[in-house]
Amino acid sequence: MALKLERYVKRYTSISSAIDLLCRKQLALLDPQTWDDRNDRYFMSLYKDYAKASGLYAACFTQSAETYHHWRVFGGGADGACVEFKRTKFEAHIKGNTDIRAGEVEYLLLTQAEKLSDPRPEQLPFMKRAGFEPEDEYRVVAISADPQGPSLALPIDLTLINRITINPWLPDAIYQSVKSVLREIRDCDHIEITRSSLIDSQRWKNAGNQVVGKPKMGRLVLKIGKRVAPKRKLKPPSRGKLKFR
């Protein structure tokens, strides 16, 4: 079971969406009817009717430490990025807005859902089937009096973001380019930018080396210093012939 985080919530998204979030300083909440889980979509539509809302939007996060499942399903493979928010500050940021709610998702077996003794329509957006429990989801839900659209922009302060992690499949050269681009975005100096080592961890490999008695692998560091060319005697070129080096 993956470690549950208490201080942070993470949003897996694409690199381009992460860049858009940083540039616009807006978190995009989407129309739940585009989600893959039809059960989830139905519960959200029930809540929309209950709240008498014209528009309903949501953004999904996780409270879990990184897993292969999160990267593949929500990160989109080699285009994925994970934006880590400071949970306490994030919740304080949206507190007081009666149209926005945030909370942990409750996972229920079918038998449990059928025997709910205390009907709670306001909790419908935060209920999912037990088969999704490994997602360990944290959700932000917003209602609007305006007609339903594809997305709703939630303004955020970039100080709410602690770290951005790039997926483990991106080649190092491209990762370095992406990191440079992120560093150039205004007000992002405080954000830690890393690449996941989930599928290629030197520490994990060294643990295996220890089991079989092999020496630990060290990190290769390319040292660039001033190179001094050796002195050599130059021979004069032969007449009538050009030599190219």
Protein backbone atom coordinates (compact mmCIF):
# COMPACT_ATOMS: atom_id res chain seq x y z
CA MET A 1 0.00 0.00 0.00
CA ALA A 2 1.33 3.44 -0.93
CA LEU A 3 2.22 5.89 1.81
CA LYS A 4 -0.56 8.39 2.53
CA LEU A 5 0.53 12.02 2.59
CA GLU A 6 -0.79 14.42 5.21
CA ARG A 7 0.87 17.73 4.35
CA TYR A 8 0.39 17.65 0.58
CA VAL A 9 -2.11 16.79 -2.16
CA LYS A 10 -0.92 15.99 -5.66
CA ARG A 11 -2.45 16.61 -9.06
CA TYR A 12 -1.25 14.44 -11.94
CA THR A 13 -1.59 16.19 -15.26
CA SER A 14 0.29 16.85 -18.50
CA ILE A 15 3.45 18.95 -18.75
CA SER A 16 1.62 21.45 -20.96
CA SER A 17 -1.22 21.78 -18.43
CA ALA A 18 1.30 22.31 -15.63
CA ILE A 19 2.95 25.10 -17.64
CA ASP A 20 -0.47 26.66 -18.30
CA LEU A 21 -1.29 26.51 -14.58
CA LEU A 22 1.94 28.33 -13.70
CA CYS A 23 1.64 30.96 -16.43
CA ARG A 24 -2.02 31.79 -15.85
CA LYS A 25 -1.96 31.15 -12.09
CA GLN A 26 -5.23 29.27 -12.52
CA LEU A 27 -6.27 25.71 -11.71
CA ALA A 28 -8.66 24.26 -14.29
CA LEU A 29 -11.71 22.49 -12.84
CA LEU A 30 -13.38 20.29 -15.48
CA ASP A 31 -16.89 19.13 -16.31
CA PRO A 32 -17.24 15.71 -14.57
CA GLN A 33 -19.29 14.37 -17.48
CA THR A 34 -16.01 13.88 -19.37
CA TRP A 35 -14.75 11.39 -16.75
CA ASP A 36 -14.22 7.72 -17.56
CA ASP A 37 -16.06 6.37 -14.50
CA ARG A 38 -19.77 6.43 -15.38
CA ASN A 39 -20.79 5.72 -11.79
CA ASP A 40 -18.86 8.78 -10.66
CA ARG A 41 -20.40 10.88 -13.43
CA TYR A 42 -23.88 9.82 -12.34
CA PHE A 43 -23.31 10.71 -8.68
CA MET A 44 -21.99 14.12 -9.77
CA SER A 45 -25.08 14.73 -11.89
CA LEU A 46 -27.28 13.81 -8.91
CA TYR A 47 -25.41 16.33 -6.79
CA LYS A 48 -25.74 18.99 -9.49
CA ASP A 49 -29.52 18.55 -9.45
CA TYR A 50 -29.59 18.53 -5.64
CA ALA A 51 -27.57 21.78 -5.48
CA LYS A 52 -29.74 23.35 -8.20
CA ALA A 53 -26.55 24.38 -9.98
CA SER A 54 -26.33 25.37 -13.62
CA GLY A 55 -22.69 24.37 -13.79
CA LEU A 56 -20.66 21.76 -11.89
CA TYR A 57 -16.87 21.36 -12.05
CA ALA A 58 -14.21 19.36 -10.25
CA ALA A 59 -10.48 18.69 -10.02
CA CYS A 60 -9.04 15.41 -8.74
CA PHE A 61 -5.93 15.10 -6.59
CA THR A 62 -4.36 12.26 -4.62
CA GLN A 63 -3.12 12.02 -1.04
CA SER A 64 -0.88 9.10 -1.97
CA ALA A 65 2.86 8.97 -2.51
CA GLU A 66 3.66 8.32 -6.17
CA THR A 67 2.62 5.04 -7.72
CA TYR A 68 3.02 3.53 -11.18
CA HIS A 69 -0.79 3.57 -11.46
CA HIS A 70 -1.00 7.33 -10.95
CA TRP A 71 1.67 8.06 -13.55
CA ARG A 72 0.19 5.77 -16.20
CA VAL A 73 -3.51 6.52 -15.70
CA PHE A 74 -3.49 10.21 -14.75
CA GLY A 75 -0.08 11.43 -15.89
CA GLY A 76 -0.34 10.26 -19.47
CA GLY A 77 3.02 8.52 -19.66
CA ALA A 78 5.97 10.52 -20.99
CA ASP A 79 3.90 13.72 -21.11
CA GLY A 80 3.02 13.58 -17.42
CA ALA A 81 3.78 15.94 -14.56
CA CYS A 82 2.75 15.96 -10.92
CA VAL A 83 2.01 19.26 -9.17
CA GLU A 84 2.28 19.04 -5.38
CA PHE A 85 0.21 21.53 -3.33
CA LYS A 86 0.62 22.45 0.33
CA ARG A 87 -2.63 21.10 1.69
CA THR A 88 -3.20 23.45 4.65
CA LYS A 89 -2.50 26.58 2.61
CA PHE A 90 -4.53 25.29 -0.31
CA GLU A 91 -7.58 24.67 1.90
CA ALA A 92 -7.18 28.09 3.52
CA HIS A 93 -7.06 29.63 0.03
CA ILE A 94 -10.50 28.30 -0.95
CA LYS A 95 -12.08 28.59 2.50
CA GLY A 96 -14.94 31.06 2.68
CA ASN A 97 -16.10 30.51 -0.89
CA THR A 98 -19.46 28.77 -0.49
CA ASP A 99 -19.42 27.61 -4.11
CA ILE A 100 -16.24 25.54 -3.64
CA ARG A 101 -15.79 22.44 -1.51
CA ALA A 102 -12.80 20.20 -0.99
CA GLY A 103 -12.35 16.92 0.81
CA GLU A 104 -11.27 13.30 0.84
CA VAL A 105 -13.18 10.73 -1.17
CA GLU A 106 -14.96 7.96 0.74
CA TYR A 107 -14.78 4.48 -0.82
CA LEU A 108 -17.74 2.15 -0.41
CA LEU A 109 -18.60 -1.42 -1.30
CA LEU A 110 -21.88 -1.91 -3.17
CA THR A 111 -23.42 -3.43 -0.06
CA GLN A 112 -22.35 -0.43 2.00
CA ALA A 113 -23.77 2.03 -0.52
CA GLU A 114 -27.08 0.19 -0.57
CA LYS A 115 -27.34 0.33 3.23
CA LEU A 116 -26.53 3.98 3.83
CA SER A 117 -28.64 4.77 6.89
CA ASP A 118 -27.91 8.49 6.83
CA PRO A 119 -28.66 9.93 3.37
CA ARG A 120 -26.19 12.72 2.68
CA PRO A 121 -26.79 14.28 -0.75
CA GLU A 122 -24.06 16.84 -0.11
CA GLN A 123 -21.54 13.98 0.10
CA LEU A 124 -22.39 12.50 -3.30
CA PRO A 125 -19.35 14.15 -5.01
CA PHE A 126 -17.08 12.51 -2.44
CA MET A 127 -18.25 8.89 -2.77
CA LYS A 128 -16.74 6.24 -5.05
CA ARG A 129 -16.77 2.47 -5.36
CA ALA A 130 -14.19 0.56 -3.33
CA GLY A 131 -12.42 -0.62 -6.48
CA PHE A 132 -10.96 2.88 -6.86
CA GLU A 133 -9.58 3.05 -3.31
CA PRO A 134 -5.87 2.82 -4.35
CA GLU A 135 -6.31 6.28 -5.93
CA ASP A 136 -6.64 7.76 -2.41
CA GLU A 137 -8.40 10.72 -3.96
CA TYR A 138 -8.84 14.25 -2.70
CA ARG A 139 -11.33 16.31 -4.69
CA VAL A 140 -12.24 19.95 -5.27
CA VAL A 141 -15.82 20.59 -6.39
CA ALA A 142 -17.33 23.90 -7.53
CA ILE A 143 -20.85 24.90 -8.54
CA SER A 144 -21.80 27.85 -10.71
CA ALA A 145 -24.94 29.79 -11.55
CA ASP A 146 -23.70 30.18 -15.12
CA PRO A 147 -24.51 27.60 -17.80
CA GLN A 148 -22.33 24.49 -17.88
CA GLY A 149 -19.06 24.89 -19.73
CA PRO A 150 -16.07 22.60 -20.34
CA SER A 151 -14.02 24.10 -17.50
CA LEU A 152 -13.92 26.66 -14.71
CA ALA A 153 -10.76 28.59 -13.75
CA LEU A 154 -9.86 28.72 -10.07
CA PRO A 155 -7.27 31.49 -9.41
CA ILE A 156 -4.39 30.30 -7.22
CA ASP A 157 -1.28 31.74 -5.64
CA LEU A 158 1.86 29.93 -6.79
CA THR A 159 3.15 29.88 -3.21
CA LEU A 160 0.64 27.06 -2.69
CA ILE A 161 2.81 24.81 -4.86
CA ASN A 162 5.66 22.94 -3.20
CA ARG A 163 7.09 20.79 -5.99
CA ILE A 164 6.63 19.74 -9.60
CA THR A 165 7.77 16.24 -10.54
CA ILE A 166 8.27 15.22 -14.17
CA ASN A 167 7.42 11.66 -15.23
CA PRO A 168 10.14 8.96 -15.15
CA TRP A 169 9.98 8.15 -18.90
CA LEU A 170 11.09 11.53 -20.22
CA PRO A 171 14.70 11.41 -21.53
CA ASP A 172 17.11 13.40 -19.39
CA ALA A 173 17.98 15.89 -22.14
CA ILE A 174 14.32 16.77 -22.65
CA TYR A 175 13.74 16.88 -18.89
CA GLN A 176 16.52 19.44 -18.55
CA SER A 177 14.87 21.56 -21.27
CA VAL A 178 11.46 21.33 -19.55
CA LYS A 179 13.06 22.24 -16.22
CA SER A 180 14.66 25.32 -17.80
CA VAL A 181 11.31 26.41 -19.23
CA LEU A 182 9.59 26.02 -15.85
CA ARG A 183 12.37 27.98 -14.16
CA GLU A 184 11.81 30.89 -16.54
CA ILE A 185 8.16 31.30 -15.50
CA ARG A 186 7.63 34.25 -13.20
CA ASP A 187 7.17 33.59 -9.45
CA CYS A 188 8.31 29.95 -9.70
CA ASP A 189 11.73 30.33 -8.06
CA HIS A 190 10.58 28.65 -4.84
CA ILE A 191 9.16 25.54 -6.55
CA GLU A 192 11.32 22.42 -6.45
CA ILE A 193 11.49 20.71 -9.86
CA THR A 194 12.54 17.07 -10.05
CA ARG A 195 12.14 13.98 -12.21
CA SER A 196 10.65 10.79 -10.81
CA SER A 197 13.00 7.85 -10.30
CA LEU A 198 10.18 5.37 -9.71
CA ILE A 199 11.26 3.01 -12.50
CA ASP A 200 15.01 3.76 -12.40
CA SER A 201 16.24 4.25 -8.85
CA GLN A 202 19.94 4.03 -8.05
CA ARG A 203 19.16 3.45 -4.37
CA TRP A 204 16.90 0.51 -5.26
CA LYS A 205 19.55 -1.01 -7.53
CA ASN A 206 22.20 -0.59 -4.85
CA ALA A 207 19.94 -2.45 -2.42
CA GLY A 208 20.01 -5.36 -4.87
CA ASN A 209 23.77 -5.05 -5.23
CA GLN A 210 24.08 -5.33 -1.45
CA VAL A 211 22.12 -8.59 -1.48
CA VAL A 212 24.56 -10.27 -3.88
CA GLY A 213 27.69 -8.58 -2.56
CA LYS A 214 28.30 -6.27 -5.51
CA PRO A 215 29.76 -2.79 -4.86
CA LYS A 216 27.39 0.13 -4.84
CA MET A 217 27.05 2.18 -7.97
CA GLY A 218 28.11 5.79 -7.60
CA ARG A 219 26.63 8.73 -9.37
CA LEU A 220 28.53 9.66 -12.51
CA VAL A 221 29.45 13.33 -12.54
CA LEU A 222 30.96 14.95 -15.59
CA LYS A 223 33.59 17.43 -14.45
CA ILE A 224 34.27 20.23 -16.87
CA GLY A 225 37.50 22.07 -16.27
CA LYS A 226 40.05 24.04 -18.21
CA ARG A 227 41.77 21.81 -20.67
CA VAL A 228 45.40 22.50 -21.41
CA ALA A 229 46.56 21.22 -24.78
CA PRO A 230 49.92 19.45 -24.76
CA LYS A 231 52.77 21.31 -26.34
CA ARG A 232 53.95 19.91 -29.63
CA LYS A 233 56.25 20.91 -32.41
CA LEU A 234 54.57 21.97 -35.63
CA LYS A 235 56.01 20.78 -38.89
CA PRO A 236 55.93 23.21 -41.80
CA PRO A 237 53.57 22.08 -44.58
CA SER A 238 55.05 20.71 -47.74
CA ARG A 239 55.14 23.09 -50.65
CA GLY A 240 52.40 22.82 -53.21
CA LYS A 241 50.12 20.79 -50.94
CA LEU A 242 47.47 21.90 -48.39
CA LYS A 243 46.88 19.78 -45.34
CA PHE A 244 43.49 19.98 -43.56
CA ARG A 245 43.28 19.06 -39.96
